[in-house]
Amino acid sequence: MQARMSHPAFVVPGAMEALQALGRVVRKAGGSSLPVDLVHLRASHNGCNVCVDMHSRDLKKAGDSDERLFAVAAWREAPYFTDAERAALALAELALAEPVTLLSDRTDPVPDQIWAEAARHYDEQALAARIISIATVNAGNRLNASTRQVAGEWIS
């Protein structure tokens, strides 16, 4: 595999720094980083090999178990996740269906039941952080996929 071009966030001056700054703000506002990392991994199952690789490595480095990493794609059926993590993963799964990108595909991109469950586990600031986090990882997925970035090449 070969990337079509250098990563766009490195080509446009200041873009990577801006994305990283947004990530830091979201992590600080969202509380525990673990649900954010799980959300990033699940949302990246939309075909972004770079993000799946990167977020799996980040979770593993943070001490997460192989069982949890392997089960993220089937989180509903797996016993490894808390109710709060499940609520965050449900929001992330909506990113897989591209409700924010293709709003016209559904009359209700975020169903009330999923919203209510997430709001039960997170205060407004933490919920806002998770929504921004999903949008951010979705942008990263699109940057990587459109330019065919290669998993593992970012590792030094």
Protein backbone atom coordinates (compact mmCIF):
# COMPACT_ATOMS: atom_id res chain seq x y z
CA MET A 1 0.00 0.00 0.00
CA GLN A 2 1.04 3.54 -0.63
CA ALA A 3 -0.63 6.77 0.44
CA ARG A 4 -1.91 9.04 -2.33
CA MET A 5 -0.23 12.02 -0.69
CA SER A 6 1.20 13.17 2.61
CA HIS A 7 -1.41 13.45 5.34
CA PRO A 8 -3.43 16.64 4.71
CA ALA A 9 -3.07 17.78 8.33
CA PHE A 10 0.70 17.85 7.85
CA VAL A 11 0.49 19.55 4.45
CA VAL A 12 -1.62 22.50 5.63
CA PRO A 13 0.42 24.55 8.11
CA GLY A 14 -1.14 24.55 11.58
CA ALA A 15 -3.82 21.96 10.78
CA MET A 16 -2.34 19.11 12.86
CA GLU A 17 -1.73 21.44 15.78
CA ALA A 18 -5.36 22.62 15.60
CA LEU A 19 -6.67 19.04 15.51
CA GLN A 20 -4.46 18.05 18.44
CA ALA A 21 -5.56 21.13 20.42
CA LEU A 22 -9.21 20.21 19.86
CA GLY A 23 -8.44 16.67 21.02
CA ARG A 24 -6.85 17.97 24.23
CA VAL A 25 -9.84 20.23 24.95
CA VAL A 26 -12.28 17.37 24.36
CA ARG A 27 -10.36 14.98 26.63
CA LYS A 28 -10.19 17.58 29.40
CA ALA A 29 -13.90 18.39 29.14
CA GLY A 30 -15.00 14.78 28.77
CA GLY A 31 -13.52 13.41 31.97
CA SER A 32 -12.16 9.88 31.80
CA SER A 33 -10.20 9.31 28.60
CA LEU A 34 -11.10 5.64 28.29
CA PRO A 35 -14.61 6.13 26.86
CA VAL A 36 -13.15 8.69 24.42
CA ASP A 37 -10.59 6.16 23.19
CA LEU A 38 -13.24 3.44 22.91
CA VAL A 39 -15.48 5.84 20.99
CA HIS A 40 -12.62 6.66 18.61
CA LEU A 41 -11.91 2.98 18.02
CA ARG A 42 -15.57 2.10 17.39
CA ALA A 43 -16.22 5.09 15.14
CA SER A 44 -13.09 4.20 13.15
CA HIS A 45 -14.52 0.80 12.23
CA ASN A 46 -16.03 2.64 9.25
CA GLY A 47 -12.99 1.66 7.20
CA CYS A 48 -10.16 3.82 8.53
CA ASN A 49 -7.28 1.38 8.97
CA VAL A 50 -4.98 4.08 10.38
CA CYS A 51 -7.40 5.06 13.15
CA VAL A 52 -8.29 1.48 14.07
CA ASP A 53 -4.58 0.71 14.36
CA MET A 54 -3.75 3.90 16.27
CA HIS A 55 -6.66 3.80 18.73
CA SER A 56 -6.18 0.08 19.41
CA ARG A 57 -2.52 0.77 20.24
CA ASP A 58 -3.48 3.73 22.45
CA LEU A 59 -5.98 1.64 24.40
CA LYS A 60 -3.51 -1.21 24.77
CA LYS A 61 -0.79 1.20 25.94
CA ALA A 62 -3.24 2.61 28.51
CA GLY A 63 -3.68 -0.90 29.89
CA ASP A 64 -6.91 -1.99 28.23
CA SER A 65 -7.36 -5.73 27.77
CA ASP A 66 -7.20 -7.66 24.51
CA GLU A 67 -10.71 -8.98 25.22
CA ARG A 68 -12.14 -5.47 25.24
CA LEU A 69 -10.24 -4.41 22.13
CA PHE A 70 -11.34 -7.49 20.23
CA ALA A 71 -14.96 -7.02 21.33
CA VAL A 72 -15.43 -3.33 20.57
CA ALA A 73 -17.11 -4.09 17.23
CA ALA A 74 -19.59 -6.36 19.05
CA TRP A 75 -19.90 -4.34 22.26
CA ARG A 76 -23.65 -4.97 22.65
CA GLU A 77 -23.07 -8.71 23.03
CA ALA A 78 -19.84 -8.53 25.05
CA PRO A 79 -19.75 -8.42 28.87
CA TYR A 80 -16.65 -6.21 29.07
CA PHE A 81 -18.16 -2.72 29.01
CA THR A 82 -19.82 -0.53 31.64
CA ASP A 83 -23.21 1.06 31.08
CA ALA A 84 -21.53 4.46 30.60
CA GLU A 85 -19.15 3.00 28.02
CA ARG A 86 -22.09 1.35 26.26
CA ALA A 87 -23.88 4.70 26.06
CA ALA A 88 -20.78 6.32 24.54
CA LEU A 89 -20.35 3.40 22.13
CA ALA A 90 -23.98 3.73 21.00
CA LEU A 91 -23.30 7.35 20.05
CA ALA A 92 -20.11 6.26 18.26
CA GLU A 93 -22.00 3.63 16.33
CA LEU A 94 -24.16 6.38 14.89
CA ALA A 95 -20.97 7.79 13.37
CA LEU A 96 -20.59 4.52 11.48
CA ALA A 97 -23.90 5.21 9.77
CA GLU A 98 -22.70 8.75 9.00
CA PRO A 99 -25.68 10.58 10.51
CA VAL A 100 -23.74 13.81 10.91
CA THR A 101 -22.30 13.65 7.39
CA LEU A 102 -25.42 12.41 5.62
CA LEU A 103 -28.21 13.94 7.68
CA SER A 104 -30.78 13.49 4.93
CA ASP A 105 -30.48 9.68 5.12
CA ARG A 106 -32.48 9.58 8.35
CA THR A 107 -35.29 11.64 9.77
CA ASP A 108 -33.77 11.30 13.25
CA PRO A 109 -29.98 10.88 13.06
CA VAL A 110 -29.67 10.48 16.84
CA PRO A 111 -32.76 8.68 18.19
CA ASP A 112 -34.17 9.93 21.50
CA GLN A 113 -33.51 6.57 23.19
CA ILE A 114 -29.77 6.71 22.44
CA TRP A 115 -29.61 10.37 23.44
CA ALA A 116 -31.45 9.77 26.72
CA GLU A 117 -29.17 6.87 27.65
CA ALA A 118 -26.04 8.93 26.95
CA ALA A 119 -27.46 11.89 28.90
CA ARG A 120 -28.14 9.57 31.84
CA HIS A 121 -24.41 8.79 32.12
CA TYR A 122 -22.79 12.10 31.16
CA ASP A 123 -23.43 15.68 32.19
CA GLU A 124 -23.89 18.27 29.45
CA GLN A 125 -20.18 19.12 29.19
CA ALA A 126 -19.07 15.49 29.02
CA LEU A 127 -21.82 14.70 26.50
CA ALA A 128 -20.78 17.69 24.37
CA ALA A 129 -17.18 16.47 24.55
CA ARG A 130 -18.21 13.03 23.30
CA ILE A 131 -20.17 14.51 20.39
CA ILE A 132 -17.23 16.73 19.41
CA SER A 133 -14.94 13.73 19.80
CA ILE A 134 -17.07 11.67 17.42
CA ALA A 135 -17.07 14.50 14.88
CA THR A 136 -13.30 14.88 15.23
CA VAL A 137 -12.52 11.19 14.75
CA ASN A 138 -14.96 11.16 11.84
CA ALA A 139 -12.94 13.97 10.24
CA GLY A 140 -9.72 12.04 10.84
CA ASN A 141 -11.25 8.92 9.30
CA ARG A 142 -12.15 10.88 6.18
CA LEU A 143 -8.71 12.49 5.90
CA ASN A 144 -7.01 9.12 6.20
CA ALA A 145 -9.37 7.18 3.95
CA SER A 146 -9.53 9.72 1.13
CA THR A 147 -5.74 9.95 0.92
CA ARG A 148 -5.27 6.22 1.59
CA GLN A 149 -2.94 6.66 4.53
CA VAL A 150 -1.25 3.44 5.60
CA ALA A 151 -1.66 1.98 9.10
CA GLY A 152 1.53 1.87 11.12
CA GLU A 153 3.48 4.37 9.01
CA TRP A 154 2.90 7.08 11.60
CA ILE A 155 4.67 5.03 14.27
CA SER A 156 8.19 6.19 14.99
